[in-house]
Amino acid sequence: MSDHNLKQDQLTRELMEKNGDLSEPEARKWIELLWEDFEATRAKAGREYKGTEVTEQIIRQWVTHYGPHLDDFVATNPKFKKYFEE
């Protein structure tokens, strides 16, 4: 398993601890979406790639601050809502 996947696995577990309403697949989907969105946004802005360590640090901050409410965020954000509709 790659370092990238190990970091996402750890972040998934951390998110599940912060938000008991999320299943493991939902938490993993959130981590993957946030990870890709952060890296894509930095790239579009012309920012230098700083590696997975920086991405992991930012996603961990988001999990810490917003993790308990991420499922509420879906209702108001169409960018992510489409990924969680059944």
PDB file of N, CA and C in Angstrom:
ATOM      1  N   MET A   1       0.855  -1.180   0.000  1.00  0.00           N
ATOM      2  CA  MET A   1       0.000   0.000   0.000  1.00  0.00           C
ATOM      3  C   MET A   1       0.897   1.239   0.000  1.00  0.00           C
ATOM      4  N   SER A   2       0.546   2.223  -0.805  1.00  0.00           N
ATOM      5  CA  SER A   2       1.371   3.423  -0.924  1.00  0.00           C
ATOM      6  C   SER A   2       1.227   4.317   0.307  1.00  0.00           C
ATOM      7  N   ASP A   3       2.204   5.190   0.472  1.00  0.00           N
ATOM      8  CA  ASP A   3       2.185   6.159   1.567  1.00  0.00           C
ATOM      9  C   ASP A   3       0.934   7.037   1.479  1.00  0.00           C
ATOM     10  N   HIS A   4       0.580   7.401   0.257  1.00  0.00           N
ATOM     11  CA  HIS A   4      -0.616   8.210  -0.008  1.00  0.00           C
ATOM     12  C   HIS A   4      -1.860   7.506   0.546  1.00  0.00           C
ATOM     13  N   ASN A   5      -2.000   6.211   0.253  1.00  0.00           N
ATOM     14  CA  ASN A   5      -3.164   5.448   0.723  1.00  0.00           C
ATOM     15  C   ASN A   5      -3.154   5.279   2.235  1.00  0.00           C
ATOM     16  N   LEU A   6      -1.970   5.077   2.810  1.00  0.00           N
ATOM     17  CA  LEU A   6      -1.875   4.945   4.265  1.00  0.00           C
ATOM     18  C   LEU A   6      -2.321   6.230   4.957  1.00  0.00           C
ATOM     19  N   LYS A   7      -1.921   7.360   4.409  1.00  0.00           N
ATOM     20  CA  LYS A   7      -2.324   8.646   4.982  1.00  0.00           C
ATOM     21  C   LYS A   7      -3.835   8.838   4.869  1.00  0.00           C
ATOM     22  N   GLN A   8      -4.402   8.468   3.735  1.00  0.00           N
ATOM     23  CA  GLN A   8      -5.853   8.596   3.575  1.00  0.00           C
ATOM     24  C   GLN A   8      -6.594   7.632   4.499  1.00  0.00           C
ATOM     25  N   ASP A   9      -6.047   6.444   4.720  1.00  0.00           N
ATOM     26  CA  ASP A   9      -6.662   5.502   5.662  1.00  0.00           C
ATOM     27  C   ASP A   9      -6.696   6.092   7.068  1.00  0.00           C
ATOM     28  N   GLN A  10      -5.583   6.679   7.495  1.00  0.00           N
ATOM     29  CA  GLN A  10      -5.511   7.290   8.824  1.00  0.00           C
ATOM     30  C   GLN A  10      -6.493   8.454   8.937  1.00  0.00           C
ATOM     31  N   LEU A  11      -6.552   9.284   7.925  1.00  0.00           N
ATOM     32  CA  LEU A  11      -7.486  10.411   7.941  1.00  0.00           C
ATOM     33  C   LEU A  11      -8.937   9.932   7.949  1.00  0.00           C
ATOM     34  N   THR A  12      -9.207   8.837   7.254  1.00  0.00           N
ATOM     35  CA  THR A  12     -10.556   8.258   7.264  1.00  0.00           C
ATOM     36  C   THR A  12     -10.937   7.841   8.677  1.00  0.00           C
ATOM     37  N   ARG A  13     -10.034   7.175   9.375  1.00  0.00           N
ATOM     38  CA  ARG A  13     -10.308   6.762  10.761  1.00  0.00           C
ATOM     39  C   ARG A  13     -10.528   7.985  11.662  1.00  0.00           C
ATOM     40  N   GLU A  14      -9.712   9.009  11.471  1.00  0.00           N
ATOM     41  CA  GLU A  14      -9.862  10.225  12.276  1.00  0.00           C
ATOM     42  C   GLU A  14     -11.209  10.893  12.020  1.00  0.00           C
ATOM     43  N   LEU A  15     -11.631  10.926  10.771  1.00  0.00           N
ATOM     44  CA  LEU A  15     -12.927  11.523  10.446  1.00  0.00           C
ATOM     45  C   LEU A  15     -14.059  10.717  11.067  1.00  0.00           C
ATOM     46  N   MET A  16     -13.963   9.408  11.034  1.00  0.00           N
ATOM     47  CA  MET A  16     -15.008   8.568  11.635  1.00  0.00           C
ATOM     48  C   MET A  16     -15.088   8.786  13.147  1.00  0.00           C
ATOM     49  N   GLU A  17     -13.948   9.052  13.789  1.00  0.00           N
ATOM     50  CA  GLU A  17     -13.949   9.353  15.222  1.00  0.00           C
ATOM     51  C   GLU A  17     -14.623  10.697  15.499  1.00  0.00           C
ATOM     52  N   LYS A  18     -14.438  11.656  14.606  1.00  0.00           N
ATOM     53  CA  LYS A  18     -15.031  12.989  14.777  1.00  0.00           C
ATOM     54  C   LYS A  18     -16.516  13.012  14.445  1.00  0.00           C
ATOM     55  N   ASN A  19     -16.926  12.159  13.508  1.00  0.00           N
ATOM     56  CA  ASN A  19     -18.306  12.180  13.036  1.00  0.00           C
ATOM     57  C   ASN A  19     -18.844  10.753  12.986  1.00  0.00           C
ATOM     58  N   GLY A  20     -19.523  10.370  14.038  1.00  0.00           N
ATOM     59  CA  GLY A  20     -20.062   9.023  14.147  1.00  0.00           C
ATOM     60  C   GLY A  20     -21.213   8.732  13.201  1.00  0.00           C
ATOM     61  N   ASP A  21     -21.717   9.761  12.514  1.00  0.00           N
ATOM     62  CA  ASP A  21     -22.811   9.561  11.571  1.00  0.00           C
ATOM     63  C   ASP A  21     -22.335   9.036  10.221  1.00  0.00           C
ATOM     64  N   LEU A  22     -21.028   9.107   9.968  1.00  0.00           N
ATOM     65  CA  LEU A  22     -20.487   8.673   8.678  1.00  0.00           C
ATOM     66  C   LEU A  22     -20.072   7.211   8.720  1.00  0.00           C
ATOM     67  N   SER A  23     -20.438   6.481   7.682  1.00  0.00           N
ATOM     68  CA  SER A  23     -19.950   5.110   7.533  1.00  0.00           C
ATOM     69  C   SER A  23     -18.503   5.177   7.051  1.00  0.00           C
ATOM     70  N   GLU A  24     -17.815   4.051   7.080  1.00  0.00           N
ATOM     71  CA  GLU A  24     -16.434   4.042   6.594  1.00  0.00           C
ATOM     72  C   GLU A  24     -16.347   4.438   5.115  1.00  0.00           C
ATOM     73  N   PRO A  25     -17.218   3.886   4.238  1.00  0.00           N
ATOM     74  CA  PRO A  25     -17.145   4.319   2.833  1.00  0.00           C
ATOM     75  C   PRO A  25     -17.426   5.820   2.651  1.00  0.00           C
ATOM     76  N   GLU A  26     -18.358   6.363   3.424  1.00  0.00           N
ATOM     77  CA  GLU A  26     -18.648   7.798   3.327  1.00  0.00           C
ATOM     78  C   GLU A  26     -17.458   8.632   3.793  1.00  0.00           C
ATOM     79  N   ALA A  27     -16.862   8.230   4.906  1.00  0.00           N
ATOM     80  CA  ALA A  27     -15.700   8.956   5.425  1.00  0.00           C
ATOM     81  C   ALA A  27     -14.547   8.894   4.433  1.00  0.00           C
ATOM     82  N   ARG A  28     -14.318   7.720   3.856  1.00  0.00           N
ATOM     83  CA  ARG A  28     -13.243   7.582   2.871  1.00  0.00           C
ATOM     84  C   ARG A  28     -13.519   8.461   1.648  1.00  0.00           C
ATOM     85  N   LYS A  29     -14.779   8.490   1.215  1.00  0.00           N
ATOM     86  CA  LYS A  29     -15.140   9.322   0.066  1.00  0.00           C
ATOM     87  C   LYS A  29     -14.852  10.794   0.378  1.00  0.00           C
ATOM     88  N   TRP A  30     -15.203  11.234   1.589  1.00  0.00           N
ATOM     89  CA  TRP A  30     -14.923  12.612   1.981  1.00  0.00           C
ATOM     90  C   TRP A  30     -13.429  12.913   1.923  1.00  0.00           C
ATOM     91  N   ILE A  31     -12.630  12.027   2.478  1.00  0.00           N
ATOM     92  CA  ILE A  31     -11.180  12.248   2.500  1.00  0.00           C
ATOM     93  C   ILE A  31     -10.639  12.321   1.077  1.00  0.00           C
ATOM     94  N   GLU A  32     -11.062  11.410   0.234  1.00  0.00           N
ATOM     95  CA  GLU A  32     -10.588  11.415  -1.157  1.00  0.00           C
ATOM     96  C   GLU A  32     -11.016  12.687  -1.888  1.00  0.00           C
ATOM     97  N   LEU A  33     -12.263  13.116  -1.690  1.00  0.00           N
ATOM     98  CA  LEU A  33     -12.752  14.328  -2.353  1.00  0.00           C
ATOM     99  C   LEU A  33     -12.021  15.575  -1.862  1.00  0.00           C
ATOM    100  N   LEU A  34     -11.861  15.680  -0.554  1.00  0.00           N
ATOM    101  CA  LEU A  34     -11.162  16.838  -0.003  1.00  0.00           C
ATOM    102  C   LEU A  34      -9.707  16.872  -0.456  1.00  0.00           C
ATOM    103  N   TRP A  35      -9.077  15.697  -0.470  1.00  0.00           N
ATOM    104  CA  TRP A  35      -7.679  15.578  -0.894  1.00  0.00           C
ATOM    105  C   TRP A  35      -7.525  16.051  -2.343  1.00  0.00           C
ATOM    106  N   GLU A  36      -8.345  15.492  -3.218  1.00  0.00           N
ATOM    107  CA  GLU A  36      -8.261  15.844  -4.639  1.00  0.00           C
ATOM    108  C   GLU A  36      -8.632  17.306  -4.878  1.00  0.00           C
ATOM    109  N   ASP A  37      -9.640  17.796  -4.176  1.00  0.00           N
ATOM    110  CA  ASP A  37     -10.058  19.180  -4.345  1.00  0.00           C
ATOM    111  C   ASP A  37      -8.957  20.138  -3.900  1.00  0.00           C
ATOM    112  N   PHE A  38      -8.321  19.847  -2.778  1.00  0.00           N
ATOM    113  CA  PHE A  38      -7.240  20.703  -2.291  1.00  0.00           C
ATOM    114  C   PHE A  38      -6.085  20.745  -3.285  1.00  0.00           C
ATOM    115  N   GLU A  39      -5.660  19.578  -3.745  1.00  0.00           N
ATOM    116  CA  GLU A  39      -4.526  19.537  -4.671  1.00  0.00           C
ATOM    117  C   GLU A  39      -4.874  20.192  -6.013  1.00  0.00           C
ATOM    118  N   ALA A  40      -6.087  19.980  -6.496  1.00  0.00           N
ATOM    119  CA  ALA A  40      -6.500  20.586  -7.770  1.00  0.00           C
ATOM    120  C   ALA A  40      -6.598  22.105  -7.651  1.00  0.00           C
ATOM    121  N   THR A  41      -7.123  22.584  -6.545  1.00  0.00           N
ATOM    122  CA  THR A  41      -7.254  24.021  -6.336  1.00  0.00           C
ATOM    123  C   THR A  41      -5.888  24.690  -6.274  1.00  0.00           C
ATOM    124  N   ARG A  42      -4.949  24.067  -5.579  1.00  0.00           N
ATOM    125  CA  ARG A  42      -3.581  24.619  -5.515  1.00  0.00           C
ATOM    126  C   ARG A  42      -2.951  24.642  -6.900  1.00  0.00           C
ATOM    127  N   ALA A  43      -3.155  23.578  -7.661  1.00  0.00           N
ATOM    128  CA  ALA A  43      -2.565  23.506  -9.003  1.00  0.00           C
ATOM    129  C   ALA A  43      -3.163  24.578  -9.915  1.00  0.00           C
ATOM    130  N   LYS A  44      -4.489  24.746  -9.861  1.00  0.00           N
ATOM    131  CA  LYS A  44      -5.148  25.757 -10.691  1.00  0.00           C
ATOM    132  C   LYS A  44      -4.678  27.165 -10.342  1.00  0.00           C
ATOM    133  N   ALA A  45      -4.324  27.354  -9.083  1.00  0.00           N
ATOM    134  CA  ALA A  45      -3.854  28.668  -8.635  1.00  0.00           C
ATOM    135  C   ALA A  45      -2.378  28.885  -8.972  1.00  0.00           C
ATOM    136  N   GLY A  46      -1.753  27.870  -9.559  1.00  0.00           N
ATOM    137  CA  GLY A  46      -0.350  27.988  -9.936  1.00  0.00           C
ATOM    138  C   GLY A  46       0.615  27.826  -8.781  1.00  0.00           C
ATOM    139  N   ARG A  47       0.138  27.260  -7.682  1.00  0.00           N
ATOM    140  CA  ARG A  47       0.986  27.068  -6.506  1.00  0.00           C
ATOM    141  C   ARG A  47       1.892  25.867  -6.720  1.00  0.00           C
ATOM    142  N   GLU A  48       3.074  25.939  -6.172  1.00  0.00           N
ATOM    143  CA  GLU A  48       4.038  24.847  -6.256  1.00  0.00           C
ATOM    144  C   GLU A  48       3.536  23.653  -5.443  1.00  0.00           C
ATOM    145  N   TYR A  49       3.710  22.448  -5.996  1.00  0.00           N
ATOM    146  CA  TYR A  49       3.297  21.240  -5.282  1.00  0.00           C
ATOM    147  C   TYR A  49       4.238  21.011  -4.106  1.00  0.00           C
ATOM    148  N   LYS A  50       3.673  20.884  -2.925  1.00  0.00           N
ATOM    149  CA  LYS A  50       4.472  20.735  -1.711  1.00  0.00           C
ATOM    150  C   LYS A  50       4.517  19.302  -1.194  1.00  0.00           C
ATOM    151  N   GLY A  51       3.850  18.390  -1.874  1.00  0.00           N
ATOM    152  CA  GLY A  51       3.890  16.990  -1.469  1.00  0.00           C
ATOM    153  C   GLY A  51       2.709  16.569  -0.617  1.00  0.00           C
ATOM    154  N   THR A  52       2.649  15.265  -0.386  1.00  0.00           N
ATOM    155  CA  THR A  52       1.518  14.703   0.354  1.00  0.00           C
ATOM    156  C   THR A  52       1.501  15.137   1.811  1.00  0.00           C
ATOM    157  N   GLU A  53       2.663  15.501   2.355  1.00  0.00           N
ATOM    158  CA  GLU A  53       2.707  15.915   3.759  1.00  0.00           C
ATOM    159  C   GLU A  53       1.875  17.176   3.989  1.00  0.00           C
ATOM    160  N   VAL A  54       1.985  18.131   3.075  1.00  0.00           N
ATOM    161  CA  VAL A  54       1.218  19.372   3.204  1.00  0.00           C
ATOM    162  C   VAL A  54      -0.267  19.089   3.011  1.00  0.00           C
ATOM    163  N   THR A  55      -0.592  18.289   2.010  1.00  0.00           N
ATOM    164  CA  THR A  55      -1.999  17.939   1.785  1.00  0.00           C
ATOM    165  C   THR A  55      -2.564  17.234   3.010  1.00  0.00           C
ATOM    166  N   GLU A  56      -1.827  16.280   3.551  1.00  0.00           N
ATOM    167  CA  GLU A  56      -2.282  15.562   4.744  1.00  0.00           C
ATOM    168  C   GLU A  56      -2.517  16.533   5.903  1.00  0.00           C
ATOM    169  N   GLN A  57      -1.613  17.466   6.102  1.00  0.00           N
ATOM    170  CA  GLN A  57      -1.730  18.426   7.191  1.00  0.00           C
ATOM    171  C   GLN A  57      -2.999  19.277   7.047  1.00  0.00           C
ATOM    172  N   ILE A  58      -3.257  19.757   5.845  1.00  0.00           N
ATOM    173  CA  ILE A  58      -4.445  20.588   5.607  1.00  0.00           C
ATOM    174  C   ILE A  58      -5.722  19.775   5.803  1.00  0.00           C
ATOM    175  N   ILE A  59      -5.766  18.569   5.245  1.00  0.00           N
ATOM    176  CA  ILE A  59      -6.967  17.732   5.389  1.00  0.00           C
ATOM    177  C   ILE A  59      -7.190  17.388   6.854  1.00  0.00           C
ATOM    178  N   ARG A  60      -6.126  17.133   7.597  1.00  0.00           N
ATOM    179  CA  ARG A  60      -6.259  16.839   9.030  1.00  0.00           C
ATOM    180  C   ARG A  60      -6.853  18.047   9.764  1.00  0.00           C
ATOM    181  N   GLN A  61      -6.430  19.246   9.412  1.00  0.00           N
ATOM    182  CA  GLN A  61      -7.012  20.449  10.027  1.00  0.00           C
ATOM    183  C   GLN A  61      -8.498  20.543   9.718  1.00  0.00           C
ATOM    184  N   TRP A  62      -8.854  20.274   8.468  1.00  0.00           N
ATOM    185  CA  TRP A  62     -10.269  20.313   8.096  1.00  0.00           C
ATOM    186  C   TRP A  62     -11.069  19.263   8.850  1.00  0.00           C
ATOM    187  N   VAL A  63     -10.524  18.060   8.989  1.00  0.00           N
ATOM    188  CA  VAL A  63     -11.204  16.993   9.728  1.00  0.00           C
ATOM    189  C   VAL A  63     -11.408  17.430  11.177  1.00  0.00           C
ATOM    190  N   THR A  64     -10.379  18.011  11.771  1.00  0.00           N
ATOM    191  CA  THR A  64     -10.462  18.452  13.161  1.00  0.00           C
ATOM    192  C   THR A  64     -11.531  19.525  13.341  1.00  0.00           C
ATOM    193  N   HIS A  65     -11.539  20.494  12.445  1.00  0.00           N
ATOM    194  CA  HIS A  65     -12.453  21.628  12.607  1.00  0.00           C
ATOM    195  C   HIS A  65     -13.856  21.390  12.061  1.00  0.00           C
ATOM    196  N   TYR A  66     -13.958  20.701  10.942  1.00  0.00           N
ATOM    197  CA  TYR A  66     -15.242  20.560  10.256  1.00  0.00           C
ATOM    198  C   TYR A  66     -15.793  19.139  10.242  1.00  0.00           C
ATOM    199  N   GLY A  67     -15.002  18.181  10.669  1.00  0.00           N
ATOM    200  CA  GLY A  67     -15.395  16.772  10.612  1.00  0.00           C
ATOM    201  C   GLY A  67     -16.742  16.446  11.223  1.00  0.00           C
ATOM    202  N   PRO A  68     -17.036  16.996  12.415  1.00  0.00           N
ATOM    203  CA  PRO A  68     -18.322  16.669  13.025  1.00  0.00           C
ATOM    204  C   PRO A  68     -19.531  17.142  12.217  1.00  0.00           C
ATOM    205  N   HIS A  69     -19.313  18.058  11.280  1.00  0.00           N
ATOM    206  CA  HIS A  69     -20.433  18.662  10.547  1.00  0.00           C
ATOM    207  C   HIS A  69     -20.378  18.433   9.041  1.00  0.00           C
ATOM    208  N   LEU A  70     -19.494  17.575   8.568  1.00  0.00           N
ATOM    209  CA  LEU A  70     -19.356  17.391   7.120  1.00  0.00           C
ATOM    210  C   LEU A  70     -20.628  16.882   6.465  1.00  0.00           C
ATOM    211  N   ASP A  71     -21.355  16.008   7.152  1.00  0.00           N
ATOM    212  CA  ASP A  71     -22.581  15.489   6.554  1.00  0.00           C
ATOM    213  C   ASP A  71     -23.627  16.598   6.408  1.00  0.00           C
ATOM    214  N   ASP A  72     -23.609  17.610   7.276  1.00  0.00           N
ATOM    215  CA  ASP A  72     -24.506  18.759   7.136  1.00  0.00           C
ATOM    216  C   ASP A  72     -24.093  19.629   5.951  1.00  0.00           C
ATOM    217  N   PHE A  73     -22.807  19.682   5.687  1.00  0.00           N
ATOM    218  CA  PHE A  73     -22.245  20.498   4.612  1.00  0.00           C
ATOM    219  C   PHE A  73     -22.747  20.052   3.248  1.00  0.00           C
ATOM    220  N   VAL A  74     -23.004  18.769   3.095  1.00  0.00           N
ATOM    221  CA  VAL A  74     -23.473  18.228   1.812  1.00  0.00           C
ATOM    222  C   VAL A  74     -24.767  18.893   1.380  1.00  0.00           C
ATOM    223  N   ALA A  75     -25.637  19.143   2.317  1.00  0.00           N
ATOM    224  CA  ALA A  75     -26.949  19.703   1.990  1.00  0.00           C
ATOM    225  C   ALA A  75     -26.858  21.096   1.374  1.00  0.00           C
ATOM    226  N   THR A  76     -25.790  21.817   1.676  1.00  0.00           N
ATOM    227  CA  THR A  76     -25.687  23.196   1.208  1.00  0.00           C
ATOM    228  C   THR A  76     -24.616  23.405   0.140  1.00  0.00           C
ATOM    229  N   ASN A  77     -23.916  22.370  -0.245  1.00  0.00           N
ATOM    230  CA  ASN A  77     -22.832  22.535  -1.210  1.00  0.00           C
ATOM    231  C   ASN A  77     -23.008  21.600  -2.396  1.00  0.00           C
ATOM    232  N   PRO A  78     -23.487  22.120  -3.516  1.00  0.00           N
ATOM    233  CA  PRO A  78     -23.739  21.268  -4.679  1.00  0.00           C
ATOM    234  C   PRO A  78     -22.475  20.619  -5.244  1.00  0.00           C
ATOM    235  N   LYS A  79     -21.324  21.221  -4.998  1.00  0.00           N
ATOM    236  CA  LYS A  79     -20.066  20.664  -5.507  1.00  0.00           C
ATOM    237  C   LYS A  79     -19.833  19.252  -4.970  1.00  0.00           C
ATOM    238  N   PHE A  80     -20.202  19.017  -3.718  1.00  0.00           N
ATOM    239  CA  PHE A  80     -19.989  17.717  -3.099  1.00  0.00           C
ATOM    240  C   PHE A  80     -21.265  16.888  -3.004  1.00  0.00           C
ATOM    241  N   LYS A  81     -22.413  17.549  -3.039  1.00  0.00           N
ATOM    242  CA  LYS A  81     -23.694  16.864  -2.854  1.00  0.00           C
ATOM    243  C   LYS A  81     -23.887  15.709  -3.830  1.00  0.00           C
ATOM    244  N   LYS A  82     -23.493  15.901  -5.080  1.00  0.00           N
ATOM    245  CA  LYS A  82     -23.704  14.869  -6.101  1.00  0.00           C
ATOM    246  C   LYS A  82     -22.991  13.558  -5.774  1.00  0.00           C
ATOM    247  N   TYR A  83     -21.931  13.620  -4.986  1.00  0.00           N
ATOM    248  CA  TYR A  83     -21.184  12.409  -4.648  1.00  0.00           C
ATOM    249  C   TYR A  83     -21.844  11.587  -3.546  1.00  0.00           C
ATOM    250  N   PHE A  84     -22.811  12.184  -2.853  1.00  0.00           N
ATOM    251  CA  PHE A  84     -23.416  11.502  -1.721  1.00  0.00           C
ATOM    252  C   PHE A  84     -24.897  11.205  -1.910  1.00  0.00           C
ATOM    253  N   GLU A  85     -25.428  11.531  -3.076  1.00  0.00           N
ATOM    254  CA  GLU A  85     -26.819  11.198  -3.363  1.00  0.00           C
ATOM    255  C   GLU A  85     -26.911   9.718  -3.699  1.00  0.00           C
ATOM    256  N   GLU A  86     -27.948   9.104  -3.198  1.00  0.00           N
ATOM    257  CA  GLU A  86     -28.119   7.664  -3.455  1.00  0.00           C
ATOM    258  C   GLU A  86     -29.036   7.415  -4.607  1.00  0.00           C
TER     259      GLU A  86
END
